[in-house]
Amino acid sequence: MFWIHGGGLVNGSIFNMPPYNGLDLAAYDVVVVSTNYRLGPFGFLYGDREDAPGNVGFYDQLLALKWVRENIHQFGGDRDRITIFGESAGSISVSSQILSPLSKGLYKRAIMESGAHLYNKDRDSLNKTEAVSEAKQMAKQLNCSETEDWLQCLRKVDAKDILKLEKSISTPVFGTEFLPVYTHKALDDHLLNYDIDLMSGLTRNEGPILVDLVLKQINLQTVDDFKKYVKVGDELYHGLDVQKVSDFYLNGVNTSSPAAIRRAYTDFFGDLMMNCPTYLFAKHLAQIVKNKHNVYFYEWTYQSQYFSKLMGCDEATMGICHGAD
């Protein structure tokens, strides 16, 4: 079993959470491998040239996966029974390996725990032109001019200064070698690695902790506040109809209650970021494989006291939080 950790493609490590060490799984006669990979701009900056192809964090995962395929028999593993699995950004990474032609044949099964690459059906989350613009804007913030070799300039910048930037580049780029076509087209035209079994799923209440992690401290008091924060999702999902979204999620909600408005927003944010992408990715894959392979889907409804303390998730007020699985 090949584990890919989460953290929004911005932070995280196989060393920063005790459950990631694989001991529990290894006790059940499983060979567990986990890998680190480059994050933020170090892993996902795109420069539209050979030495800055974008998605290099995914290439790191791919390299580790190839190593496992070639060497796992030395550790008692079976190269023909590799399962890749991950949670949150790790799950998004798994979906990326499923989408990439470079990963074909390297694994037999996949497990996606809350997360998938699935955005607006009509366009990419970030096209190459936008990605280059984003990278050049970052370079400008670090005093690298567009008129010079801005990538070479960036390579001389102290990594700590890059990490200090308020907004981190972390969005994978489609139309590249690793992700040649965006997800909807890949699913429609069967341009993905569908010769696998898949288990995918979600926690019952994905939204509350995601709002805290992604948006930090937000002030949701009124319907206007709700609409304002719906627009935040437009960065990834492009073309959100704020009025339709508001009408749907605020239907039957006591809009004079800030607590009720916040609950409605966390429902929306959980659906946007995790529930819909994860479910629809699995559903489309199931339609492709039909009876040739198995696709399973679960809803996680158990919250351990250990996880509650680790993540600061109060089940009474937040439910079964993102990450509980």
C-alpha atoms as a PDB file:
ATOM      1  CA  MET A   1       0.000   0.000   0.000  1.00  0.00           C
ATOM      2  CA  PHE A   2       1.485   3.282  -1.211  1.00  0.00           C
ATOM      3  CA  TRP A   3       0.401   6.282   0.904  1.00  0.00           C
ATOM      4  CA  ILE A   4       0.243   9.900  -0.314  1.00  0.00           C
ATOM      5  CA  HIS A   5      -0.282  12.443   2.470  1.00  0.00           C
ATOM      6  CA  GLY A   6      -2.627  15.429   2.357  1.00  0.00           C
ATOM      7  CA  GLY A   7      -2.137  19.091   3.196  1.00  0.00           C
ATOM      8  CA  GLY A   8      -3.614  21.058   0.314  1.00  0.00           C
ATOM      9  CA  LEU A   9      -0.507  20.454  -1.840  1.00  0.00           C
ATOM     10  CA  VAL A  10       0.989  23.232   0.282  1.00  0.00           C
ATOM     11  CA  ASN A  11       2.086  21.614   3.529  1.00  0.00           C
ATOM     12  CA  GLY A  12       2.339  18.276   5.291  1.00  0.00           C
ATOM     13  CA  SER A  13       4.834  15.452   5.533  1.00  0.00           C
ATOM     14  CA  ILE A  14       4.887  11.728   6.200  1.00  0.00           C
ATOM     15  CA  PHE A  15       6.596  12.619   9.481  1.00  0.00           C
ATOM     16  CA  ASN A  16       4.196  15.210  10.925  1.00  0.00           C
ATOM     17  CA  MET A  17       1.326  12.936  11.952  1.00  0.00           C
ATOM     18  CA  PRO A  18       1.779   9.670  13.893  1.00  0.00           C
ATOM     19  CA  PRO A  19      -0.902   7.768  11.905  1.00  0.00           C
ATOM     20  CA  TYR A  20       1.181   8.243   8.736  1.00  0.00           C
ATOM     21  CA  ASN A  21       3.951   5.907   9.891  1.00  0.00           C
ATOM     22  CA  GLY A  22       2.087   2.803   8.677  1.00  0.00           C
ATOM     23  CA  LEU A  23       2.515   0.763  11.862  1.00  0.00           C
ATOM     24  CA  ASP A  24      -1.174  -0.058  12.244  1.00  0.00           C
ATOM     25  CA  LEU A  25      -1.522  -1.295   8.666  1.00  0.00           C
ATOM     26  CA  ALA A  26       1.773  -3.180   8.768  1.00  0.00           C
ATOM     27  CA  ALA A  27       0.408  -5.188  11.698  1.00  0.00           C
ATOM     28  CA  TYR A  28      -2.080  -6.743   9.254  1.00  0.00           C
ATOM     29  CA  ASP A  29       0.563  -8.293   6.978  1.00  0.00           C
ATOM     30  CA  VAL A  30       0.685  -5.290   4.658  1.00  0.00           C
ATOM     31  CA  VAL A  31       3.832  -3.677   3.262  1.00  0.00           C
ATOM     32  CA  VAL A  32       3.307   0.075   3.689  1.00  0.00           C
ATOM     33  CA  VAL A  33       5.231   2.723   1.755  1.00  0.00           C
ATOM     34  CA  SER A  34       4.787   6.469   2.217  1.00  0.00           C
ATOM     35  CA  THR A  35       6.498   9.242   0.310  1.00  0.00           C
ATOM     36  CA  ASN A  36       7.171  12.937   0.624  1.00  0.00           C
ATOM     37  CA  TYR A  37       6.818  15.163  -2.425  1.00  0.00           C
ATOM     38  CA  ARG A  38       7.504  18.797  -3.265  1.00  0.00           C
ATOM     39  CA  LEU A  39       4.770  21.211  -2.209  1.00  0.00           C
ATOM     40  CA  GLY A  40       3.556  24.723  -2.951  1.00  0.00           C
ATOM     41  CA  PRO A  41       5.581  26.616  -5.572  1.00  0.00           C
ATOM     42  CA  PHE A  42       8.409  24.085  -5.244  1.00  0.00           C
ATOM     43  CA  GLY A  43       6.033  21.403  -6.470  1.00  0.00           C
ATOM     44  CA  PHE A  44       3.515  23.198  -8.666  1.00  0.00           C
ATOM     45  CA  LEU A  45       4.996  26.343 -10.202  1.00  0.00           C
ATOM     46  CA  TYR A  46       4.633  26.257 -14.001  1.00  0.00           C
ATOM     47  CA  GLY A  47       7.050  28.096 -16.277  1.00  0.00           C
ATOM     48  CA  ASP A  48       6.004  26.877 -19.740  1.00  0.00           C
ATOM     49  CA  ARG A  49       9.419  25.397 -20.438  1.00  0.00           C
ATOM     50  CA  GLU A  50      11.192  22.078 -20.084  1.00  0.00           C
ATOM     51  CA  ASP A  51      12.922  22.896 -16.805  1.00  0.00           C
ATOM     52  CA  ALA A  52       9.671  24.134 -15.216  1.00  0.00           C
ATOM     53  CA  PRO A  53       6.957  21.759 -16.495  1.00  0.00           C
ATOM     54  CA  GLY A  54       4.602  22.171 -13.539  1.00  0.00           C
ATOM     55  CA  ASN A  55       3.171  19.368 -11.407  1.00  0.00           C
ATOM     56  CA  VAL A  56       6.638  18.247 -10.273  1.00  0.00           C
ATOM     57  CA  GLY A  57       5.152  17.273  -6.917  1.00  0.00           C
ATOM     58  CA  PHE A  58       3.213  14.625  -8.832  1.00  0.00           C
ATOM     59  CA  TYR A  59       6.404  13.585 -10.632  1.00  0.00           C
ATOM     60  CA  ASP A  60       7.957  12.998  -7.193  1.00  0.00           C
ATOM     61  CA  GLN A  61       5.085  10.665  -6.339  1.00  0.00           C
ATOM     62  CA  LEU A  62       5.489   8.960  -9.706  1.00  0.00           C
ATOM     63  CA  LEU A  63       9.218   8.420  -9.156  1.00  0.00           C
ATOM     64  CA  ALA A  64       8.548   6.873  -5.749  1.00  0.00           C
ATOM     65  CA  LEU A  65       5.841   4.671  -7.258  1.00  0.00           C
ATOM     66  CA  LYS A  66       8.233   3.466  -9.966  1.00  0.00           C
ATOM     67  CA  TRP A  67      10.816   2.681  -7.295  1.00  0.00           C
ATOM     68  CA  VAL A  68       8.261   0.629  -5.377  1.00  0.00           C
ATOM     69  CA  ARG A  69       7.264  -1.211  -8.542  1.00  0.00           C
ATOM     70  CA  GLU A  70      10.908  -2.113  -9.212  1.00  0.00           C
ATOM     71  CA  ASN A  71      12.048  -2.908  -5.670  1.00  0.00           C
ATOM     72  CA  ILE A  72       9.162  -3.830  -3.365  1.00  0.00           C
ATOM     73  CA  HIS A  73       9.799  -7.565  -3.794  1.00  0.00           C
ATOM     74  CA  GLN A  74      13.002  -7.020  -1.786  1.00  0.00           C
ATOM     75  CA  PHE A  75      10.789  -6.112   1.185  1.00  0.00           C
ATOM     76  CA  GLY A  76       8.299  -8.952   0.832  1.00  0.00           C
ATOM     77  CA  GLY A  77       5.875  -6.993  -1.332  1.00  0.00           C
ATOM     78  CA  ASP A  78       4.140  -7.919  -4.587  1.00  0.00           C
ATOM     79  CA  ARG A  79       4.736  -5.486  -7.467  1.00  0.00           C
ATOM     80  CA  ASP A  80       1.509  -6.645  -9.103  1.00  0.00           C
ATOM     81  CA  ARG A  81      -0.680  -5.872  -6.081  1.00  0.00           C
ATOM     82  CA  ILE A  82       0.160  -2.235  -5.390  1.00  0.00           C
ATOM     83  CA  THR A  83      -2.642  -0.041  -4.015  1.00  0.00           C
ATOM     84  CA  ILE A  84      -2.134   3.728  -4.054  1.00  0.00           C
ATOM     85  CA  PHE A  85      -4.125   5.648  -1.459  1.00  0.00           C
ATOM     86  CA  GLY A  86      -4.324   9.111   0.010  1.00  0.00           C
ATOM     87  CA  GLU A  87      -6.527  11.538   1.895  1.00  0.00           C
ATOM     88  CA  SER A  88      -7.538  15.111   0.980  1.00  0.00           C
ATOM     89  CA  ALA A  89      -4.728  16.469  -1.239  1.00  0.00           C
ATOM     90  CA  GLY A  90      -3.382  12.921  -1.120  1.00  0.00           C
ATOM     91  CA  SER A  91      -6.679  11.750  -2.591  1.00  0.00           C
ATOM     92  CA  ILE A  92      -6.470  14.485  -5.227  1.00  0.00           C
ATOM     93  CA  SER A  93      -2.964  13.192  -5.934  1.00  0.00           C
ATOM     94  CA  VAL A  94      -4.335   9.673  -6.385  1.00  0.00           C
ATOM     95  CA  SER A  95      -6.888  10.981  -8.886  1.00  0.00           C
ATOM     96  CA  SER A  96      -4.013  12.744 -10.683  1.00  0.00           C
ATOM     97  CA  GLN A  97      -2.085   9.481 -10.942  1.00  0.00           C
ATOM     98  CA  ILE A  98      -5.249   7.862 -12.333  1.00  0.00           C
ATOM     99  CA  LEU A  99      -5.531  10.676 -14.883  1.00  0.00           C
ATOM    100  CA  SER A 100      -1.877  10.652 -15.924  1.00  0.00           C
ATOM    101  CA  PRO A 101      -0.680   8.460 -18.812  1.00  0.00           C
ATOM    102  CA  LEU A 102       2.740   8.411 -17.119  1.00  0.00           C
ATOM    103  CA  SER A 103       1.381   6.276 -14.246  1.00  0.00           C
ATOM    104  CA  LYS A 104      -0.265   3.610 -16.374  1.00  0.00           C
ATOM    105  CA  GLY A 105       0.368   0.055 -15.206  1.00  0.00           C
ATOM    106  CA  LEU A 106       2.182   0.993 -11.997  1.00  0.00           C
ATOM    107  CA  TYR A 107      -0.611   0.014  -9.584  1.00  0.00           C
ATOM    108  CA  LYS A 108      -3.574  -2.351  -9.354  1.00  0.00           C
ATOM    109  CA  ARG A 109      -5.975  -0.536  -7.044  1.00  0.00           C
ATOM    110  CA  ALA A 110      -6.604   2.954  -5.708  1.00  0.00           C
ATOM    111  CA  ILE A 111      -8.282   4.426  -2.631  1.00  0.00           C
ATOM    112  CA  MET A 112      -9.418   8.060  -2.670  1.00  0.00           C
ATOM    113  CA  GLU A 113     -10.325   9.441   0.757  1.00  0.00           C
ATOM    114  CA  SER A 114     -12.048  12.814   0.290  1.00  0.00           C
ATOM    115  CA  GLY A 115     -10.760  14.595  -2.775  1.00  0.00           C
ATOM    116  CA  ALA A 116     -10.583  14.457  -6.585  1.00  0.00           C
ATOM    117  CA  HIS A 117      -9.466  16.546  -9.531  1.00  0.00           C
ATOM    118  CA  LEU A 118     -12.869  17.582 -10.846  1.00  0.00           C
ATOM    119  CA  TYR A 119     -13.749  21.209 -11.466  1.00  0.00           C
ATOM    120  CA  ASN A 120     -15.826  23.186 -13.962  1.00  0.00           C
ATOM    121  CA  LYS A 121     -16.976  20.859 -16.733  1.00  0.00           C
ATOM    122  CA  ASP A 122     -16.137  23.402 -19.427  1.00  0.00           C
ATOM    123  CA  ARG A 123     -12.573  24.394 -18.538  1.00  0.00           C
ATOM    124  CA  ASP A 124      -9.495  23.667 -16.451  1.00  0.00           C
ATOM    125  CA  SER A 125      -9.087  24.952 -12.917  1.00  0.00           C
ATOM    126  CA  LEU A 126      -5.934  26.724 -14.074  1.00  0.00           C
ATOM    127  CA  ASN A 127      -4.872  26.890 -17.709  1.00  0.00           C
ATOM    128  CA  LYS A 128      -1.250  27.251 -18.766  1.00  0.00           C
ATOM    129  CA  THR A 129      -1.496  30.959 -19.534  1.00  0.00           C
ATOM    130  CA  GLU A 130      -2.958  31.655 -16.080  1.00  0.00           C
ATOM    131  CA  ALA A 131      -0.325  29.437 -14.460  1.00  0.00           C
ATOM    132  CA  VAL A 132       2.567  31.310 -16.085  1.00  0.00           C
ATOM    133  CA  SER A 133       0.998  34.630 -15.108  1.00  0.00           C
ATOM    134  CA  GLU A 134       0.651  33.407 -11.523  1.00  0.00           C
ATOM    135  CA  ALA A 135       4.288  32.305 -11.460  1.00  0.00           C
ATOM    136  CA  LYS A 136       5.544  35.607 -12.885  1.00  0.00           C
ATOM    137  CA  GLN A 137       3.487  37.507 -10.333  1.00  0.00           C
ATOM    138  CA  MET A 138       5.195  35.508  -7.592  1.00  0.00           C
ATOM    139  CA  ALA A 139       8.572  36.254  -9.159  1.00  0.00           C
ATOM    140  CA  LYS A 140       7.733  39.959  -9.211  1.00  0.00           C
ATOM    141  CA  GLN A 141       6.924  39.857  -5.489  1.00  0.00           C
ATOM    142  CA  LEU A 142      10.408  38.429  -4.959  1.00  0.00           C
ATOM    143  CA  ASN A 143      12.060  41.185  -7.026  1.00  0.00           C
ATOM    144  CA  CYS A 144      12.597  39.089 -10.141  1.00  0.00           C
ATOM    145  CA  SER A 145      11.910  41.044 -13.334  1.00  0.00           C
ATOM    146  CA  GLU A 146       9.923  39.554 -16.214  1.00  0.00           C
ATOM    147  CA  THR A 147      12.452  40.995 -18.666  1.00  0.00           C
ATOM    148  CA  GLU A 148      15.271  38.832 -17.341  1.00  0.00           C
ATOM    149  CA  ASP A 149      15.301  35.069 -16.870  1.00  0.00           C
ATOM    150  CA  TRP A 150      12.761  35.200 -14.046  1.00  0.00           C
ATOM    151  CA  LEU A 151      12.956  31.468 -13.371  1.00  0.00           C
ATOM    152  CA  GLN A 152      16.719  31.589 -12.985  1.00  0.00           C
ATOM    153  CA  CYS A 153      16.258  34.554 -10.671  1.00  0.00           C
ATOM    154  CA  LEU A 154      13.721  32.628  -8.590  1.00  0.00           C
ATOM    155  CA  ARG A 155      16.187  29.782  -8.171  1.00  0.00           C
ATOM    156  CA  LYS A 156      18.536  32.171  -6.371  1.00  0.00           C
ATOM    157  CA  VAL A 157      15.866  33.355  -3.919  1.00  0.00           C
ATOM    158  CA  ASP A 158      16.077  31.974  -0.389  1.00  0.00           C
ATOM    159  CA  ALA A 159      13.473  29.229   0.018  1.00  0.00           C
ATOM    160  CA  LYS A 160      12.382  30.803   3.300  1.00  0.00           C
ATOM    161  CA  ASP A 161      11.440  34.016   1.474  1.00  0.00           C
ATOM    162  CA  ILE A 162       9.302  32.029  -0.964  1.00  0.00           C
ATOM    163  CA  LEU A 163       7.549  30.335   1.935  1.00  0.00           C
ATOM    164  CA  LYS A 164       6.757  33.710   3.509  1.00  0.00           C
ATOM    165  CA  LEU A 165       4.524  34.724   0.590  1.00  0.00           C
ATOM    166  CA  GLU A 166       0.893  35.015   1.648  1.00  0.00           C
ATOM    167  CA  LYS A 167      -0.474  33.166  -1.385  1.00  0.00           C
ATOM    168  CA  SER A 168       1.251  29.928  -2.311  1.00  0.00           C
ATOM    169  CA  ILE A 169       1.160  28.402  -5.782  1.00  0.00           C
ATOM    170  CA  SER A 170      -0.351  24.953  -5.378  1.00  0.00           C
ATOM    171  CA  THR A 171      -2.804  24.377  -8.231  1.00  0.00           C
ATOM    172  CA  PRO A 172      -1.924  21.587 -10.679  1.00  0.00           C
ATOM    173  CA  VAL A 173      -1.840  22.553 -14.346  1.00  0.00           C
ATOM    174  CA  PHE A 174      -3.637  20.643 -17.095  1.00  0.00           C
ATOM    175  CA  GLY A 175      -2.520  20.564 -20.723  1.00  0.00           C
ATOM    176  CA  THR A 176       0.917  19.400 -19.567  1.00  0.00           C
ATOM    177  CA  GLU A 177       2.851  16.155 -19.968  1.00  0.00           C
ATOM    178  CA  PHE A 178       1.645  14.803 -16.636  1.00  0.00           C
ATOM    179  CA  LEU A 179      -1.985  15.935 -17.035  1.00  0.00           C
ATOM    180  CA  PRO A 180      -2.522  16.310 -20.795  1.00  0.00           C
ATOM    181  CA  VAL A 181      -6.313  16.772 -20.712  1.00  0.00           C
ATOM    182  CA  TYR A 182      -8.610  18.146 -18.047  1.00  0.00           C
ATOM    183  CA  THR A 183     -10.667  15.720 -16.015  1.00  0.00           C
ATOM    184  CA  HIS A 184     -14.081  15.933 -17.662  1.00  0.00           C
ATOM    185  CA  LYS A 185     -12.596  15.321 -21.105  1.00  0.00           C
ATOM    186  CA  ALA A 186     -10.464  12.475 -19.739  1.00  0.00           C
ATOM    187  CA  LEU A 187     -13.581  10.852 -18.270  1.00  0.00           C
ATOM    188  CA  ASP A 188     -15.722  11.488 -21.349  1.00  0.00           C
ATOM    189  CA  ASP A 189     -13.105  10.125 -23.764  1.00  0.00           C
ATOM    190  CA  HIS A 190     -11.769   7.404 -21.423  1.00  0.00           C
ATOM    191  CA  LEU A 191      -8.311   9.013 -21.417  1.00  0.00           C
ATOM    192  CA  LEU A 192      -7.274   7.748 -17.989  1.00  0.00           C
ATOM    193  CA  ASN A 193      -6.030   4.636 -16.242  1.00  0.00           C
ATOM    194  CA  TYR A 194      -9.330   2.825 -15.739  1.00  0.00           C
ATOM    195  CA  ASP A 195      -7.906  -0.708 -15.597  1.00  0.00           C
ATOM    196  CA  ILE A 196      -8.056  -0.595 -11.781  1.00  0.00           C
ATOM    197  CA  ASP A 197     -10.341  -1.194  -8.812  1.00  0.00           C
ATOM    198  CA  LEU A 198     -11.291   1.936  -6.867  1.00  0.00           C
ATOM    199  CA  MET A 199     -12.543   2.615  -3.362  1.00  0.00           C
ATOM    200  CA  SER A 200     -13.586   6.201  -2.767  1.00  0.00           C
ATOM    201  CA  GLY A 201     -15.463   8.043  -0.077  1.00  0.00           C
ATOM    202  CA  LEU A 202     -16.174  11.005   2.160  1.00  0.00           C
ATOM    203  CA  THR A 203     -16.743  11.909   5.765  1.00  0.00           C
ATOM    204  CA  ARG A 204     -20.263  12.906   6.754  1.00  0.00           C
ATOM    205  CA  ASN A 205     -19.368  16.565   7.400  1.00  0.00           C
ATOM    206  CA  GLU A 206     -16.512  17.649   5.137  1.00  0.00           C
ATOM    207  CA  GLY A 207     -17.243  21.362   5.266  1.00  0.00           C
ATOM    208  CA  PRO A 208     -16.709  22.768   8.787  1.00  0.00           C
ATOM    209  CA  ILE A 209     -13.022  22.033   9.212  1.00  0.00           C
ATOM    210  CA  LEU A 210     -12.307  22.868   5.555  1.00  0.00           C
ATOM    211  CA  VAL A 211     -13.757  26.346   6.018  1.00  0.00           C
ATOM    212  CA  ASP A 212     -11.459  26.847   9.001  1.00  0.00           C
ATOM    213  CA  LEU A 213      -8.393  25.425   7.219  1.00  0.00           C
ATOM    214  CA  VAL A 214      -8.851  27.091   3.832  1.00  0.00           C
ATOM    215  CA  LEU A 215     -10.589  30.370   4.613  1.00  0.00           C
ATOM    216  CA  LYS A 216      -9.283  30.849   8.163  1.00  0.00           C
ATOM    217  CA  GLN A 217     -11.403  33.270  10.205  1.00  0.00           C
ATOM    218  CA  ILE A 218     -14.396  34.359   8.151  1.00  0.00           C
ATOM    219  CA  ASN A 219     -17.248  36.538   9.320  1.00  0.00           C
ATOM    220  CA  LEU A 220     -20.531  34.937   8.241  1.00  0.00           C
ATOM    221  CA  GLN A 221     -23.408  36.919   9.666  1.00  0.00           C
ATOM    222  CA  THR A 222     -25.754  37.742   6.793  1.00  0.00           C
ATOM    223  CA  VAL A 223     -26.985  36.550   3.397  1.00  0.00           C
ATOM    224  CA  ASP A 224     -24.665  39.101   1.788  1.00  0.00           C
ATOM    225  CA  ASP A 225     -21.742  37.543   3.665  1.00  0.00           C
ATOM    226  CA  PHE A 226     -22.810  34.124   2.364  1.00  0.00           C
ATOM    227  CA  LYS A 227     -22.836  35.397  -1.224  1.00  0.00           C
ATOM    228  CA  LYS A 228     -19.473  37.103  -0.798  1.00  0.00           C
ATOM    229  CA  TYR A 229     -17.811  33.905   0.325  1.00  0.00           C
ATOM    230  CA  VAL A 230     -19.478  31.816  -2.384  1.00  0.00           C
ATOM    231  CA  LYS A 231     -17.393  33.862  -4.826  1.00  0.00           C
ATOM    232  CA  VAL A 232     -14.236  32.497  -3.175  1.00  0.00           C
ATOM    233  CA  GLY A 233     -14.920  29.141  -4.811  1.00  0.00           C
ATOM    234  CA  ASP A 234     -14.875  30.739  -8.238  1.00  0.00           C
ATOM    235  CA  GLU A 235     -11.061  30.694  -8.258  1.00  0.00           C
ATOM    236  CA  LEU A 236     -11.097  26.927  -8.757  1.00  0.00           C
ATOM    237  CA  TYR A 237     -14.550  26.233 -10.123  1.00  0.00           C
ATOM    238  CA  HIS A 238     -15.063  29.233 -12.444  1.00  0.00           C
ATOM    239  CA  GLY A 239     -18.517  30.434 -13.379  1.00  0.00           C
ATOM    240  CA  LEU A 240     -20.367  29.756 -10.122  1.00  0.00           C
ATOM    241  CA  ASP A 241     -23.850  31.259 -10.185  1.00  0.00           C
ATOM    242  CA  VAL A 242     -23.853  33.005  -6.820  1.00  0.00           C
ATOM    243  CA  GLN A 243     -27.613  33.582  -6.796  1.00  0.00           C
ATOM    244  CA  LYS A 244     -28.500  29.977  -7.652  1.00  0.00           C
ATOM    245  CA  VAL A 245     -26.034  28.644  -5.093  1.00  0.00           C
ATOM    246  CA  SER A 246     -27.424  30.971  -2.432  1.00  0.00           C
ATOM    247  CA  ASP A 247     -31.035  30.097  -3.246  1.00  0.00           C
ATOM    248  CA  PHE A 248     -30.263  26.375  -3.007  1.00  0.00           C
ATOM    249  CA  TYR A 249     -28.270  26.340   0.227  1.00  0.00           C
ATOM    250  CA  LEU A 250     -30.303  28.996   2.034  1.00  0.00           C
ATOM    251  CA  ASN A 251     -33.643  27.414   1.172  1.00  0.00           C
ATOM    252  CA  GLY A 252     -35.459  26.805   4.463  1.00  0.00           C
ATOM    253  CA  VAL A 253     -32.605  28.341   6.484  1.00  0.00           C
ATOM    254  CA  ASN A 254     -33.289  30.918   9.195  1.00  0.00           C
ATOM    255  CA  THR A 255     -31.298  33.734   7.599  1.00  0.00           C
ATOM    256  CA  SER A 256     -31.585  35.879  10.708  1.00  0.00           C
ATOM    257  CA  SER A 257     -29.383  33.345  12.511  1.00  0.00           C
ATOM    258  CA  PRO A 258     -25.603  33.688  11.878  1.00  0.00           C
ATOM    259  CA  ALA A 259     -25.106  30.118  13.125  1.00  0.00           C
ATOM    260  CA  ALA A 260     -27.617  28.794  10.584  1.00  0.00           C
ATOM    261  CA  ILE A 261     -25.997  30.797   7.776  1.00  0.00           C
ATOM    262  CA  ARG A 262     -22.578  29.419   8.726  1.00  0.00           C
ATOM    263  CA  ARG A 263     -23.899  25.832   8.715  1.00  0.00           C
ATOM    264  CA  ALA A 264     -25.372  26.412   5.255  1.00  0.00           C
ATOM    265  CA  TYR A 265     -22.060  27.777   4.045  1.00  0.00           C
ATOM    266  CA  THR A 266     -20.059  24.860   5.414  1.00  0.00           C
ATOM    267  CA  ASP A 267     -22.482  22.522   3.608  1.00  0.00           C
ATOM    268  CA  PHE A 268     -21.827  24.419   0.373  1.00  0.00           C
ATOM    269  CA  PHE A 269     -18.059  24.509   0.858  1.00  0.00           C
ATOM    270  CA  GLY A 270     -17.887  20.801   1.677  1.00  0.00           C
ATOM    271  CA  ASP A 271     -19.914  19.973  -1.440  1.00  0.00           C
ATOM    272  CA  LEU A 272     -17.778  22.244  -3.613  1.00  0.00           C
ATOM    273  CA  MET A 273     -14.364  21.151  -2.399  1.00  0.00           C
ATOM    274  CA  MET A 274     -14.876  17.476  -1.586  1.00  0.00           C
ATOM    275  CA  ASN A 275     -18.314  15.875  -1.849  1.00  0.00           C
ATOM    276  CA  CYS A 276     -19.204  16.541  -5.480  1.00  0.00           C
ATOM    277  CA  PRO A 277     -15.734  16.073  -7.015  1.00  0.00           C
ATOM    278  CA  THR A 278     -15.048  12.841  -5.117  1.00  0.00           C
ATOM    279  CA  TYR A 279     -18.458  11.302  -5.769  1.00  0.00           C
ATOM    280  CA  LEU A 280     -18.656  12.300  -9.434  1.00  0.00           C
ATOM    281  CA  PHE A 281     -15.123  11.076 -10.168  1.00  0.00           C
ATOM    282  CA  ALA A 282     -15.992   7.651  -8.736  1.00  0.00           C
ATOM    283  CA  LYS A 283     -19.377   7.598 -10.478  1.00  0.00           C
ATOM    284  CA  HIS A 284     -17.857   8.382 -13.886  1.00  0.00           C
ATOM    285  CA  LEU A 285     -15.138   5.766 -13.399  1.00  0.00           C
ATOM    286  CA  ALA A 286     -17.769   3.181 -12.454  1.00  0.00           C
ATOM    287  CA  GLN A 287     -19.640   3.950 -15.672  1.00  0.00           C
ATOM    288  CA  ILE A 288     -16.435   3.440 -17.659  1.00  0.00           C
ATOM    289  CA  VAL A 289     -15.324   0.140 -16.096  1.00  0.00           C
ATOM    290  CA  LYS A 290     -18.870  -1.280 -15.808  1.00  0.00           C
ATOM    291  CA  ASN A 291     -18.537  -4.966 -14.871  1.00  0.00           C
ATOM    292  CA  LYS A 292     -14.815  -5.277 -15.577  1.00  0.00           C
ATOM    293  CA  HIS A 293     -13.601  -3.723 -12.321  1.00  0.00           C
ATOM    294  CA  ASN A 294     -14.978  -2.813  -8.912  1.00  0.00           C
ATOM    295  CA  VAL A 295     -15.761   0.723  -7.758  1.00  0.00           C
ATOM    296  CA  TYR A 296     -16.857   1.189  -4.150  1.00  0.00           C
ATOM    297  CA  PHE A 297     -18.070   4.314  -2.369  1.00  0.00           C
ATOM    298  CA  TYR A 298     -18.373   4.911   1.389  1.00  0.00           C
ATOM    299  CA  GLU A 299     -19.551   7.553   3.841  1.00  0.00           C
ATOM    300  CA  TRP A 300     -17.469   7.762   7.026  1.00  0.00           C
ATOM    301  CA  THR A 301     -19.620   8.276  10.108  1.00  0.00           C
ATOM    302  CA  TYR A 302     -17.221   7.540  12.996  1.00  0.00           C
ATOM    303  CA  GLN A 303     -15.198  10.154  14.857  1.00  0.00           C
ATOM    304  CA  SER A 304     -12.471   8.925  17.202  1.00  0.00           C
ATOM    305  CA  GLN A 305     -11.545  10.918  20.289  1.00  0.00           C
ATOM    306  CA  TYR A 306      -7.925  10.810  19.132  1.00  0.00           C
ATOM    307  CA  PHE A 307      -8.793  12.479  15.825  1.00  0.00           C
ATOM    308  CA  SER A 308     -11.022  15.054  17.524  1.00  0.00           C
ATOM    309  CA  LYS A 309      -8.118  16.187  19.699  1.00  0.00           C
ATOM    310  CA  LEU A 310      -5.586  16.000  16.876  1.00  0.00           C
ATOM    311  CA  MET A 311      -7.596  18.140  14.448  1.00  0.00           C
ATOM    312  CA  GLY A 312      -9.595  20.273  16.872  1.00  0.00           C
ATOM    313  CA  CYS A 313     -12.863  18.873  15.554  1.00  0.00           C
ATOM    314  CA  ASP A 314     -15.751  18.963  18.004  1.00  0.00           C
ATOM    315  CA  GLU A 315     -18.250  16.334  16.887  1.00  0.00           C
ATOM    316  CA  ALA A 316     -21.141  18.034  18.693  1.00  0.00           C
ATOM    317  CA  THR A 317     -20.784  21.248  16.682  1.00  0.00           C
ATOM    318  CA  MET A 318     -18.814  20.180  13.581  1.00  0.00           C
ATOM    319  CA  GLY A 319     -19.899  16.599  12.968  1.00  0.00           C
ATOM    320  CA  ILE A 320     -17.672  13.931  11.384  1.00  0.00           C
ATOM    321  CA  CYS A 321     -14.926  16.150  10.040  1.00  0.00           C
ATOM    322  CA  HIS A 322     -12.778  16.108   6.941  1.00  0.00           C
ATOM    323  CA  GLY A 323      -9.815  13.850   7.658  1.00  0.00           C
ATOM    324  CA  ALA A 324     -11.596  11.477  10.039  1.00  0.00           C
ATOM    325  CA  ASP A 325     -11.276   8.626   7.555  1.00  0.00           C
END
